[in-house]
Every structure is written in C-alpha cells, then in structure tokens.
Amino acid sequence: MDLAQQGRAELDPEKRKQIYFRIQEIFNADAPMIPLYQKPYIEVMTTRAHNFQQPPTAQYVWKKTWLEQ
C-alpha cells in the first residue's frame, strides 16, 4: 500500500500526521522545479476606477475604491 492510501486508512491522528509529513518530505526532495521568483499580479481595469489597492498578499482592498461616472 502506498503512503497516500495508508494516510487515508489510518485512524490514529498522530500516525496519520507522520504519514502525510513523510509524503511532504518525499515531494520536497523530488520536486521537479524550484520557484525562483514570483511575478507581480497584473490588474486590468477601466480608467474610471480610482484608489484601487492590492497588497502583495493578493487580497483586494475595496474600502476607498470608487468609479467615476
């Protein structure tokens, strides 16, 4: 039985945690790529929108955003 199946079948939360942690260790060791940078988010909108903000966490901030008539 592979680790994913063992994790699904295991009823003991602590043993299940160890199994899934091992899956993560294997995945990290065998990762096919390593992200070297993150592209900034690109927002496209009308010029009628004003005071739009988006912090690096990618959450939209609408508190002060308004549309020109």
PDB file of N, CA and C in Angstrom:
ATOM      1  N   MET A   1       0.854  -1.180   0.000  1.00  0.00           N
ATOM      2  CA  MET A   1       0.000   0.000   0.000  1.00  0.00           C
ATOM      3  C   MET A   1       0.902   1.245   0.000  1.00  0.00           C
ATOM      4  N   ASP A   2       0.600   2.229  -0.849  1.00  0.00           N
ATOM      5  CA  ASP A   2       1.429   3.435  -0.884  1.00  0.00           C
ATOM      6  C   ASP A   2       1.076   4.364   0.288  1.00  0.00           C
ATOM      7  N   LEU A   3       1.894   5.383   0.488  1.00  0.00           N
ATOM      8  CA  LEU A   3       1.716   6.269   1.646  1.00  0.00           C
ATOM      9  C   LEU A   3       0.388   7.011   1.632  1.00  0.00           C
ATOM     10  N   ALA A   4      -0.062   7.447   0.474  1.00  0.00           N
ATOM     11  CA  ALA A   4      -1.338   8.171   0.394  1.00  0.00           C
ATOM     12  C   ALA A   4      -2.489   7.275   0.842  1.00  0.00           C
ATOM     13  N   GLN A   5      -2.468   6.031   0.419  1.00  0.00           N
ATOM     14  CA  GLN A   5      -3.514   5.095   0.843  1.00  0.00           C
ATOM     15  C   GLN A   5      -3.412   4.820   2.338  1.00  0.00           C
ATOM     16  N   GLN A   6      -2.192   4.707   2.843  1.00  0.00           N
ATOM     17  CA  GLN A   6      -2.004   4.492   4.281  1.00  0.00           C
ATOM     18  C   GLN A   6      -2.556   5.666   5.074  1.00  0.00           C
ATOM     19  N   GLY A   7      -2.287   6.869   4.593  1.00  0.00           N
ATOM     20  CA  GLY A   7      -2.771   8.065   5.280  1.00  0.00           C
ATOM     21  C   GLY A   7      -4.288   8.121   5.318  1.00  0.00           C
ATOM     22  N   ARG A   8      -4.922   7.757   4.208  1.00  0.00           N
ATOM     23  CA  ARG A   8      -6.390   7.751   4.160  1.00  0.00           C
ATOM     24  C   ARG A   8      -6.974   6.696   5.091  1.00  0.00           C
ATOM     25  N   ALA A   9      -6.289   5.555   5.221  1.00  0.00           N
ATOM     26  CA  ALA A   9      -6.809   4.439   6.011  1.00  0.00           C
ATOM     27  C   ALA A   9      -6.492   4.571   7.503  1.00  0.00           C
ATOM     28  N   GLU A  10      -5.483   5.338   7.848  1.00  0.00           N
ATOM     29  CA  GLU A  10      -5.047   5.433   9.253  1.00  0.00           C
ATOM     30  C   GLU A  10      -6.055   6.222  10.092  1.00  0.00           C
ATOM     31  N   LEU A  11      -6.456   5.653  11.214  1.00  0.00           N
ATOM     32  CA  LEU A  11      -7.419   6.304  12.100  1.00  0.00           C
ATOM     33  C   LEU A  11      -6.754   7.097  13.216  1.00  0.00           C
ATOM     34  N   ASP A  12      -5.524   6.737  13.566  1.00  0.00           N
ATOM     35  CA  ASP A  12      -4.798   7.446  14.627  1.00  0.00           C
ATOM     36  C   ASP A  12      -4.287   8.776  14.061  1.00  0.00           C
ATOM     37  N   PRO A  13      -4.756   9.922  14.592  1.00  0.00           N
ATOM     38  CA  PRO A  13      -4.358  11.226  14.043  1.00  0.00           C
ATOM     39  C   PRO A  13      -2.844  11.456  14.052  1.00  0.00           C
ATOM     40  N   GLU A  14      -2.156  10.976  15.079  1.00  0.00           N
ATOM     41  CA  GLU A  14      -0.706  11.196  15.160  1.00  0.00           C
ATOM     42  C   GLU A  14       0.030  10.384  14.091  1.00  0.00           C
ATOM     43  N   LYS A  15      -0.377   9.129  13.899  1.00  0.00           N
ATOM     44  CA  LYS A  15       0.240   8.304  12.853  1.00  0.00           C
ATOM     45  C   LYS A  15      -0.070   8.866  11.475  1.00  0.00           C
ATOM     46  N   ARG A  16      -1.309   9.339  11.281  1.00  0.00           N
ATOM     47  CA  ARG A  16      -1.705   9.945  10.004  1.00  0.00           C
ATOM     48  C   ARG A  16      -0.848  11.174   9.725  1.00  0.00           C
ATOM     49  N   LYS A  17      -0.618  11.988  10.750  1.00  0.00           N
ATOM     50  CA  LYS A  17       0.221  13.182  10.610  1.00  0.00           C
ATOM     51  C   LYS A  17       1.628  12.797  10.151  1.00  0.00           C
ATOM     52  N   GLN A  18       2.184  11.752  10.747  1.00  0.00           N
ATOM     53  CA  GLN A  18       3.534  11.298  10.376  1.00  0.00           C
ATOM     54  C   GLN A  18       3.575  10.812   8.925  1.00  0.00           C
ATOM     55  N   ILE A  19       2.532  10.101   8.504  1.00  0.00           N
ATOM     56  CA  ILE A  19       2.484   9.600   7.127  1.00  0.00           C
ATOM     57  C   ILE A  19       2.447  10.761   6.140  1.00  0.00           C
ATOM     58  N   TYR A  20       1.570  11.742   6.391  1.00  0.00           N
ATOM     59  CA  TYR A  20       1.470  12.878   5.470  1.00  0.00           C
ATOM     60  C   TYR A  20       2.723  13.751   5.509  1.00  0.00           C
ATOM     61  N   PHE A  21       3.366  13.834   6.666  1.00  0.00           N
ATOM     62  CA  PHE A  21       4.637  14.570   6.740  1.00  0.00           C
ATOM     63  C   PHE A  21       5.691  13.873   5.884  1.00  0.00           C
ATOM     64  N   ARG A  22       5.706  12.552   5.908  1.00  0.00           N
ATOM     65  CA  ARG A  22       6.656  11.796   5.084  1.00  0.00           C
ATOM     66  C   ARG A  22       6.384  12.015   3.590  1.00  0.00           C
ATOM     67  N   ILE A  23       5.105  12.077   3.212  1.00  0.00           N
ATOM     68  CA  ILE A  23       4.758  12.367   1.818  1.00  0.00           C
ATOM     69  C   ILE A  23       5.321  13.735   1.422  1.00  0.00           C
ATOM     70  N   GLN A  24       5.195  14.722   2.296  1.00  0.00           N
ATOM     71  CA  GLN A  24       5.726  16.057   2.007  1.00  0.00           C
ATOM     72  C   GLN A  24       7.249  16.031   1.894  1.00  0.00           C
ATOM     73  N   GLU A  25       7.915  15.259   2.746  1.00  0.00           N
ATOM     74  CA  GLU A  25       9.381  15.153   2.662  1.00  0.00           C
ATOM     75  C   GLU A  25       9.799  14.571   1.310  1.00  0.00           C
ATOM     76  N   ILE A  26       9.118  13.526   0.876  1.00  0.00           N
ATOM     77  CA  ILE A  26       9.445  12.898  -0.410  1.00  0.00           C
ATOM     78  C   ILE A  26       9.195  13.876  -1.555  1.00  0.00           C
ATOM     79  N   PHE A  27       8.059  14.556  -1.509  1.00  0.00           N
ATOM     80  CA  PHE A  27       7.742  15.521  -2.554  1.00  0.00           C
ATOM     81  C   PHE A  27       8.799  16.632  -2.619  1.00  0.00           C
ATOM     82  N   ASN A  28       9.184  17.165  -1.459  1.00  0.00           N
ATOM     83  CA  ASN A  28      10.178  18.246  -1.446  1.00  0.00           C
ATOM     84  C   ASN A  28      11.538  17.773  -1.939  1.00  0.00           C
ATOM     85  N   ALA A  29      11.910  16.541  -1.630  1.00  0.00           N
ATOM     86  CA  ALA A  29      13.200  16.008  -2.080  1.00  0.00           C
ATOM     87  C   ALA A  29      13.204  15.762  -3.587  1.00  0.00           C
ATOM     88  N   ASP A  30      12.056  15.375  -4.131  1.00  0.00           N
ATOM     89  CA  ASP A  30      11.967  15.035  -5.550  1.00  0.00           C
ATOM     90  C   ASP A  30      11.308  16.121  -6.390  1.00  0.00           C
ATOM     91  N   ALA A  31      11.182  17.316  -5.850  1.00  0.00           N
ATOM     92  CA  ALA A  31      10.485  18.390  -6.563  1.00  0.00           C
ATOM     93  C   ALA A  31      11.138  18.622  -7.925  1.00  0.00           C
ATOM     94  N   PRO A  32      10.347  18.657  -8.998  1.00  0.00           N
ATOM     95  CA  PRO A  32      10.908  18.826 -10.329  1.00  0.00           C
ATOM     96  C   PRO A  32      11.393  20.243 -10.608  1.00  0.00           C
ATOM     97  N   MET A  33      10.963  21.217  -9.816  1.00  0.00           N
ATOM     98  CA  MET A  33      11.411  22.590 -10.034  1.00  0.00           C
ATOM     99  C   MET A  33      11.366  23.365  -8.731  1.00  0.00           C
ATOM    100  N   ILE A  34      12.113  24.433  -8.714  1.00  0.00           N
ATOM    101  CA  ILE A  34      12.151  25.311  -7.550  1.00  0.00           C
ATOM    102  C   ILE A  34      11.755  26.703  -8.013  1.00  0.00           C
ATOM    103  N   PRO A  35      10.696  27.293  -7.432  1.00  0.00           N
ATOM    104  CA  PRO A  35      10.329  28.654  -7.841  1.00  0.00           C
ATOM    105  C   PRO A  35      11.408  29.647  -7.396  1.00  0.00           C
ATOM    106  N   LEU A  36      11.934  30.388  -8.358  1.00  0.00           N
ATOM    107  CA  LEU A  36      13.000  31.337  -8.064  1.00  0.00           C
ATOM    108  C   LEU A  36      12.485  32.753  -7.829  1.00  0.00           C
ATOM    109  N   TYR A  37      11.327  33.054  -8.373  1.00  0.00           N
ATOM    110  CA  TYR A  37      10.746  34.376  -8.186  1.00  0.00           C
ATOM    111  C   TYR A  37       9.244  34.274  -8.409  1.00  0.00           C
ATOM    112  N   GLN A  38       8.551  35.320  -8.054  1.00  0.00           N
ATOM    113  CA  GLN A  38       7.108  35.370  -8.252  1.00  0.00           C
ATOM    114  C   GLN A  38       6.782  36.597  -9.077  1.00  0.00           C
ATOM    115  N   LYS A  39       6.007  36.406 -10.123  1.00  0.00           N
ATOM    116  CA  LYS A  39       5.609  37.537 -10.951  1.00  0.00           C
ATOM    117  C   LYS A  39       4.617  38.405 -10.177  1.00  0.00           C
ATOM    118  N   PRO A  40       4.691  39.709 -10.342  1.00  0.00           N
ATOM    119  CA  PRO A  40       3.678  40.561  -9.710  1.00  0.00           C
ATOM    120  C   PRO A  40       2.323  40.345 -10.367  1.00  0.00           C
ATOM    121  N   TYR A  41       1.291  40.593  -9.613  1.00  0.00           N
ATOM    122  CA  TYR A  41      -0.061  40.452 -10.158  1.00  0.00           C
ATOM    123  C   TYR A  41      -0.319  41.563 -11.163  1.00  0.00           C
ATOM    124  N   ILE A  42      -1.005  41.230 -12.222  1.00  0.00           N
ATOM    125  CA  ILE A  42      -1.364  42.209 -13.244  1.00  0.00           C
ATOM    126  C   ILE A  42      -2.867  42.435 -13.140  1.00  0.00           C
ATOM    127  N   GLU A  43      -3.254  43.671 -12.943  1.00  0.00           N
ATOM    128  CA  GLU A  43      -4.668  44.023 -12.843  1.00  0.00           C
ATOM    129  C   GLU A  43      -5.036  44.891 -14.035  1.00  0.00           C
ATOM    130  N   VAL A  44      -6.079  44.531 -14.721  1.00  0.00           N
ATOM    131  CA  VAL A  44      -6.566  45.308 -15.851  1.00  0.00           C
ATOM    132  C   VAL A  44      -7.961  45.794 -15.495  1.00  0.00           C
ATOM    133  N   MET A  45      -8.161  47.101 -15.593  1.00  0.00           N
ATOM    134  CA  MET A  45      -9.472  47.658 -15.269  1.00  0.00           C
ATOM    135  C   MET A  45      -9.679  48.958 -16.020  1.00  0.00           C
ATOM    136  N   THR A  46     -10.839  49.485 -15.917  1.00  0.00           N
ATOM    137  CA  THR A  46     -11.177  50.731 -16.581  1.00  0.00           C
ATOM    138  C   THR A  46     -10.476  51.916 -15.923  1.00  0.00           C
ATOM    139  N   THR A  47     -10.274  52.982 -16.686  1.00  0.00           N
ATOM    140  CA  THR A  47      -9.671  54.193 -16.132  1.00  0.00           C
ATOM    141  C   THR A  47     -10.655  54.926 -15.225  1.00  0.00           C
ATOM    142  N   ARG A  48     -11.910  54.486 -15.226  1.00  0.00           N
ATOM    143  CA  ARG A  48     -12.916  55.089 -14.344  1.00  0.00           C
ATOM    144  C   ARG A  48     -12.735  54.644 -12.892  1.00  0.00           C
ATOM    145  N   ALA A  49     -11.975  53.573 -12.644  1.00  0.00           N
ATOM    146  CA  ALA A  49     -11.746  53.081 -11.282  1.00  0.00           C
ATOM    147  C   ALA A  49     -10.627  53.885 -10.632  1.00  0.00           C
ATOM    148  N   HIS A  50     -10.864  54.305  -9.404  1.00  0.00           N
ATOM    149  CA  HIS A  50      -9.883  55.113  -8.677  1.00  0.00           C
ATOM    150  C   HIS A  50      -9.612  54.515  -7.294  1.00  0.00           C
ATOM    151  N   ASN A  51      -8.391  54.715  -6.818  1.00  0.00           N
ATOM    152  CA  ASN A  51      -7.938  54.295  -5.485  1.00  0.00           C
ATOM    153  C   ASN A  51      -8.006  52.792  -5.261  1.00  0.00           C
ATOM    154  N   PHE A  52      -7.861  52.002  -6.299  1.00  0.00           N
ATOM    155  CA  PHE A  52      -7.823  50.552  -6.141  1.00  0.00           C
ATOM    156  C   PHE A  52      -6.478  50.160  -5.561  1.00  0.00           C
ATOM    157  N   GLN A  53      -6.482  49.254  -4.594  1.00  0.00           N
ATOM    158  CA  GLN A  53      -5.239  48.802  -3.971  1.00  0.00           C
ATOM    159  C   GLN A  53      -5.230  47.288  -3.905  1.00  0.00           C
ATOM    160  N   GLN A  54      -4.046  46.729  -4.097  1.00  0.00           N
ATOM    161  CA  GLN A  54      -3.873  45.292  -3.904  1.00  0.00           C
ATOM    162  C   GLN A  54      -2.509  45.067  -3.273  1.00  0.00           C
ATOM    163  N   PRO A  55      -2.478  44.666  -1.999  1.00  0.00           N
ATOM    164  CA  PRO A  55      -1.197  44.407  -1.342  1.00  0.00           C
ATOM    165  C   PRO A  55      -0.555  43.124  -1.863  1.00  0.00           C
ATOM    166  N   PRO A  56       0.687  42.852  -1.510  1.00  0.00           N
ATOM    167  CA  PRO A  56       1.384  41.660  -2.002  1.00  0.00           C
ATOM    168  C   PRO A  56       0.697  40.341  -1.646  1.00  0.00           C
ATOM    169  N   THR A  57      -0.193  40.358  -0.690  1.00  0.00           N
ATOM    170  CA  THR A  57      -0.899  39.133  -0.310  1.00  0.00           C
ATOM    171  C   THR A  57      -2.022  38.798  -1.276  1.00  0.00           C
ATOM    172  N   ALA A  58      -2.225  39.621  -2.287  1.00  0.00           N
ATOM    173  CA  ALA A  58      -3.203  39.417  -3.355  1.00  0.00           C
ATOM    174  C   ALA A  58      -4.647  39.564  -2.896  1.00  0.00           C
ATOM    175  N   GLN A  59      -4.838  40.187  -1.767  1.00  0.00           N
ATOM    176  CA  GLN A  59      -6.204  40.435  -1.305  1.00  0.00           C
ATOM    177  C   GLN A  59      -6.644  41.792  -1.824  1.00  0.00           C
ATOM    178  N   TYR A  60      -7.830  41.845  -2.363  1.00  0.00           N
ATOM    179  CA  TYR A  60      -8.336  43.111  -2.874  1.00  0.00           C
ATOM    180  C   TYR A  60      -8.755  44.012  -1.720  1.00  0.00           C
ATOM    181  N   VAL A  61      -8.452  45.305  -1.829  1.00  0.00           N
ATOM    182  CA  VAL A  61      -8.852  46.293  -0.828  1.00  0.00           C
ATOM    183  C   VAL A  61      -9.805  47.256  -1.526  1.00  0.00           C
ATOM    184  N   TRP A  62     -11.069  47.177  -1.168  1.00  0.00           N
ATOM    185  CA  TRP A  62     -12.095  47.974  -1.841  1.00  0.00           C
ATOM    186  C   TRP A  62     -12.556  49.166  -1.009  1.00  0.00           C
ATOM    187  N   LYS A  63     -12.034  49.382   0.169  1.00  0.00           N
ATOM    188  CA  LYS A  63     -12.541  50.403   1.091  1.00  0.00           C
ATOM    189  C   LYS A  63     -12.593  51.787   0.472  1.00  0.00           C
ATOM    190  N   LYS A  64     -11.568  52.165  -0.273  1.00  0.00           N
ATOM    191  CA  LYS A  64     -11.502  53.521  -0.821  1.00  0.00           C
ATOM    192  C   LYS A  64     -11.659  53.559  -2.348  1.00  0.00           C
ATOM    193  N   THR A  65     -12.018  52.422  -2.933  1.00  0.00           N
ATOM    194  CA  THR A  65     -12.175  52.338  -4.391  1.00  0.00           C
ATOM    195  C   THR A  65     -13.521  52.927  -4.811  1.00  0.00           C
ATOM    196  N   TRP A  66     -13.484  53.706  -5.884  1.00  0.00           N
ATOM    197  CA  TRP A  66     -14.735  54.279  -6.399  1.00  0.00           C
ATOM    198  C   TRP A  66     -14.648  54.388  -7.920  1.00  0.00           C
ATOM    199  N   LEU A  67     -15.818  54.419  -8.551  1.00  0.00           N
ATOM    200  CA  LEU A  67     -15.902  54.528 -10.004  1.00  0.00           C
ATOM    201  C   LEU A  67     -16.369  55.908 -10.400  1.00  0.00           C
ATOM    202  N   GLU A  68     -15.676  56.463 -11.351  1.00  0.00           N
ATOM    203  CA  GLU A  68     -16.062  57.768 -11.908  1.00  0.00           C
ATOM    204  C   GLU A  68     -17.287  57.576 -12.801  1.00  0.00           C
ATOM    205  N   GLN A  69     -18.244  58.498 -12.708  1.00  0.00           N
ATOM    206  CA  GLN A  69     -19.482  58.387 -13.509  1.00  0.00           C
ATOM    207  C   GLN A  69     -19.239  58.665 -14.958  1.00  0.00           C
TER     208      GLN A  69
END
